[in-house]
Amino acid sequence: MLSIIIVNDTTDERERSIIRQQFDPAETTPETAVVETVADLKDTDPQTLSPLYSTVDDILANVFADPPAPEAQVQITVTYEGYRITLSQDGAAEFVKVT
């Protein structure tokens, strides 16, 4: 299940521009979550976006298919389609529009 939370109730300008999402890695691949969220943010069809694989290769699949122990608290940050995206191994994701 994908849920998007737009943070806009803080005085910090950077915080206002962060879109937070939580996805369940057992139900949704991180690649799908990223592409669907970016498509929603850009109000476009996911098929019109550039392939995520060409940006991040298979890094996401490797980390989420066989994640390290939770204590590792792995995070991956990539830039894709004008957003800086940080994914955590627990399914938390942050999207910040690159200006």
C-alpha atoms as a PDB file:
ATOM      1  CA  MET A   1       0.000   0.000   0.000  1.00  0.00           C
ATOM      2  CA  LEU A   2       1.320   3.441  -0.894  1.00  0.00           C
ATOM      3  CA  SER A   3       0.531   6.479   1.173  1.00  0.00           C
ATOM      4  CA  ILE A   4       1.787   9.953   0.423  1.00  0.00           C
ATOM      5  CA  ILE A   5       2.121  12.564   3.135  1.00  0.00           C
ATOM      6  CA  ILE A   6       2.902  16.112   2.079  1.00  0.00           C
ATOM      7  CA  VAL A   7       4.564  17.987   4.895  1.00  0.00           C
ATOM      8  CA  ASN A   8       3.562  21.648   4.856  1.00  0.00           C
ATOM      9  CA  ASP A   9       2.911  22.683   8.436  1.00  0.00           C
ATOM     10  CA  THR A  10       6.410  23.694   9.488  1.00  0.00           C
ATOM     11  CA  THR A  11       8.289  26.951   9.302  1.00  0.00           C
ATOM     12  CA  ASP A  12      11.391  25.367   7.788  1.00  0.00           C
ATOM     13  CA  GLU A  13      11.356  25.821   3.989  1.00  0.00           C
ATOM     14  CA  ARG A  14      13.201  22.564   3.340  1.00  0.00           C
ATOM     15  CA  GLU A  15      10.781  20.593   5.491  1.00  0.00           C
ATOM     16  CA  ARG A  16       7.836  22.079   3.617  1.00  0.00           C
ATOM     17  CA  SER A  17       9.187  20.702   0.372  1.00  0.00           C
ATOM     18  CA  ILE A  18       9.592  17.102   1.589  1.00  0.00           C
ATOM     19  CA  ILE A  19       7.028  14.563   0.466  1.00  0.00           C
ATOM     20  CA  ARG A  20       7.069  11.489   2.674  1.00  0.00           C
ATOM     21  CA  GLN A  21       5.774   8.087   1.688  1.00  0.00           C
ATOM     22  CA  GLN A  22       5.651   4.727   3.402  1.00  0.00           C
ATOM     23  CA  PHE A  23       5.515   1.558   1.336  1.00  0.00           C
ATOM     24  CA  ASP A  24       5.526  -2.069   2.377  1.00  0.00           C
ATOM     25  CA  PRO A  25       8.559  -3.747   0.791  1.00  0.00           C
ATOM     26  CA  ALA A  26       6.743  -7.097   1.102  1.00  0.00           C
ATOM     27  CA  GLU A  27       3.902  -5.832  -1.133  1.00  0.00           C
ATOM     28  CA  THR A  28       5.455  -3.173  -3.381  1.00  0.00           C
ATOM     29  CA  THR A  29       8.906  -3.088  -4.908  1.00  0.00           C
ATOM     30  CA  PRO A  30      10.850   0.098  -4.211  1.00  0.00           C
ATOM     31  CA  GLU A  31      11.185   0.641  -7.950  1.00  0.00           C
ATOM     32  CA  THR A  32       7.397   0.605  -8.380  1.00  0.00           C
ATOM     33  CA  ALA A  33       6.891   2.845  -5.343  1.00  0.00           C
ATOM     34  CA  VAL A  34       9.376   5.413  -6.661  1.00  0.00           C
ATOM     35  CA  VAL A  35       8.013   5.491 -10.212  1.00  0.00           C
ATOM     36  CA  GLU A  36       4.355   5.647  -9.094  1.00  0.00           C
ATOM     37  CA  THR A  37       5.044   8.397  -6.566  1.00  0.00           C
ATOM     38  CA  VAL A  38       7.055  10.524  -9.002  1.00  0.00           C
ATOM     39  CA  ALA A  39       4.352  10.062 -11.645  1.00  0.00           C
ATOM     40  CA  ASP A  40       1.729  11.210  -9.107  1.00  0.00           C
ATOM     41  CA  LEU A  41       3.838  14.214  -8.124  1.00  0.00           C
ATOM     42  CA  LYS A  42       4.330  15.169 -11.775  1.00  0.00           C
ATOM     43  CA  ASP A  43       0.689  14.385 -12.585  1.00  0.00           C
ATOM     44  CA  THR A  44       1.666  12.087 -15.438  1.00  0.00           C
ATOM     45  CA  ASP A  45       1.477   8.459 -16.476  1.00  0.00           C
ATOM     46  CA  PRO A  46       4.351   6.335 -15.120  1.00  0.00           C
ATOM     47  CA  GLN A  47       5.012   5.074 -18.667  1.00  0.00           C
ATOM     48  CA  THR A  48       6.086   8.590 -19.714  1.00  0.00           C
ATOM     49  CA  LEU A  49       8.936   8.716 -17.177  1.00  0.00           C
ATOM     50  CA  SER A  50      12.477   7.674 -17.977  1.00  0.00           C
ATOM     51  CA  PRO A  51      13.309   4.117 -16.901  1.00  0.00           C
ATOM     52  CA  LEU A  52      14.358   4.067 -13.257  1.00  0.00           C
ATOM     53  CA  TYR A  53      16.779   1.243 -14.009  1.00  0.00           C
ATOM     54  CA  SER A  54      18.895   3.575 -16.131  1.00  0.00           C
ATOM     55  CA  THR A  55      19.290   5.845 -13.099  1.00  0.00           C
ATOM     56  CA  VAL A  56      19.868   3.407 -10.248  1.00  0.00           C
ATOM     57  CA  ASP A  57      20.776   0.160 -12.013  1.00  0.00           C
ATOM     58  CA  ASP A  58      19.757  -2.726  -9.757  1.00  0.00           C
ATOM     59  CA  ILE A  59      20.863  -1.197  -6.455  1.00  0.00           C
ATOM     60  CA  LEU A  60      17.326  -0.903  -5.071  1.00  0.00           C
ATOM     61  CA  ALA A  61      16.411  -4.445  -6.007  1.00  0.00           C
ATOM     62  CA  ASN A  62      19.550  -5.814  -4.354  1.00  0.00           C
ATOM     63  CA  VAL A  63      19.075  -3.930  -1.084  1.00  0.00           C
ATOM     64  CA  PHE A  64      15.375  -4.665  -0.736  1.00  0.00           C
ATOM     65  CA  ALA A  65      15.422  -8.264  -2.020  1.00  0.00           C
ATOM     66  CA  ASP A  66      17.908  -9.334   0.643  1.00  0.00           C
ATOM     67  CA  PRO A  67      18.009  -6.467   3.157  1.00  0.00           C
ATOM     68  CA  PRO A  68      20.676  -6.246   5.822  1.00  0.00           C
ATOM     69  CA  ALA A  69      19.750  -6.450   9.490  1.00  0.00           C
ATOM     70  CA  PRO A  70      17.421  -3.634  10.630  1.00  0.00           C
ATOM     71  CA  GLU A  71      20.201  -2.317  12.874  1.00  0.00           C
ATOM     72  CA  ALA A  72      22.100  -1.325   9.734  1.00  0.00           C
ATOM     73  CA  GLN A  73      19.451   1.339   8.995  1.00  0.00           C
ATOM     74  CA  VAL A  74      20.362   1.392   5.296  1.00  0.00           C
ATOM     75  CA  GLN A  75      19.285   4.421   3.269  1.00  0.00           C
ATOM     76  CA  ILE A  76      19.788   5.011  -0.438  1.00  0.00           C
ATOM     77  CA  THR A  77      19.541   8.460  -2.010  1.00  0.00           C
ATOM     78  CA  VAL A  78      19.162   8.922  -5.760  1.00  0.00           C
ATOM     79  CA  THR A  79      18.053  11.680  -8.096  1.00  0.00           C
ATOM     80  CA  TYR A  80      15.325  10.739 -10.546  1.00  0.00           C
ATOM     81  CA  GLU A  81      13.071  12.860 -12.757  1.00  0.00           C
ATOM     82  CA  GLY A  82      13.858  16.066 -10.866  1.00  0.00           C
ATOM     83  CA  TYR A  83      13.467  14.644  -7.345  1.00  0.00           C
ATOM     84  CA  ARG A  84      16.069  13.694  -4.765  1.00  0.00           C
ATOM     85  CA  ILE A  85      14.701  10.471  -3.294  1.00  0.00           C
ATOM     86  CA  THR A  86      15.830   8.831  -0.071  1.00  0.00           C
ATOM     87  CA  LEU A  87      14.647   5.281   0.569  1.00  0.00           C
ATOM     88  CA  SER A  88      15.093   3.448   3.855  1.00  0.00           C
ATOM     89  CA  GLN A  89      15.121  -0.319   4.132  1.00  0.00           C
ATOM     90  CA  ASP A  90      11.943  -0.170   6.259  1.00  0.00           C
ATOM     91  CA  GLY A  91       9.964   1.298   3.342  1.00  0.00           C
ATOM     92  CA  ALA A  92      10.110   4.960   4.347  1.00  0.00           C
ATOM     93  CA  ALA A  93      10.734   7.306   1.433  1.00  0.00           C
ATOM     94  CA  GLU A  94      11.296  11.051   1.084  1.00  0.00           C
ATOM     95  CA  PHE A  95      10.971  12.997  -2.156  1.00  0.00           C
ATOM     96  CA  VAL A  96      12.416  16.502  -2.497  1.00  0.00           C
ATOM     97  CA  LYS A  97      12.036  18.483  -5.717  1.00  0.00           C
ATOM     98  CA  VAL A  98      15.473  19.495  -6.991  1.00  0.00           C
ATOM     99  CA  THR A  99      15.577  23.171  -7.867  1.00  0.00           C
END
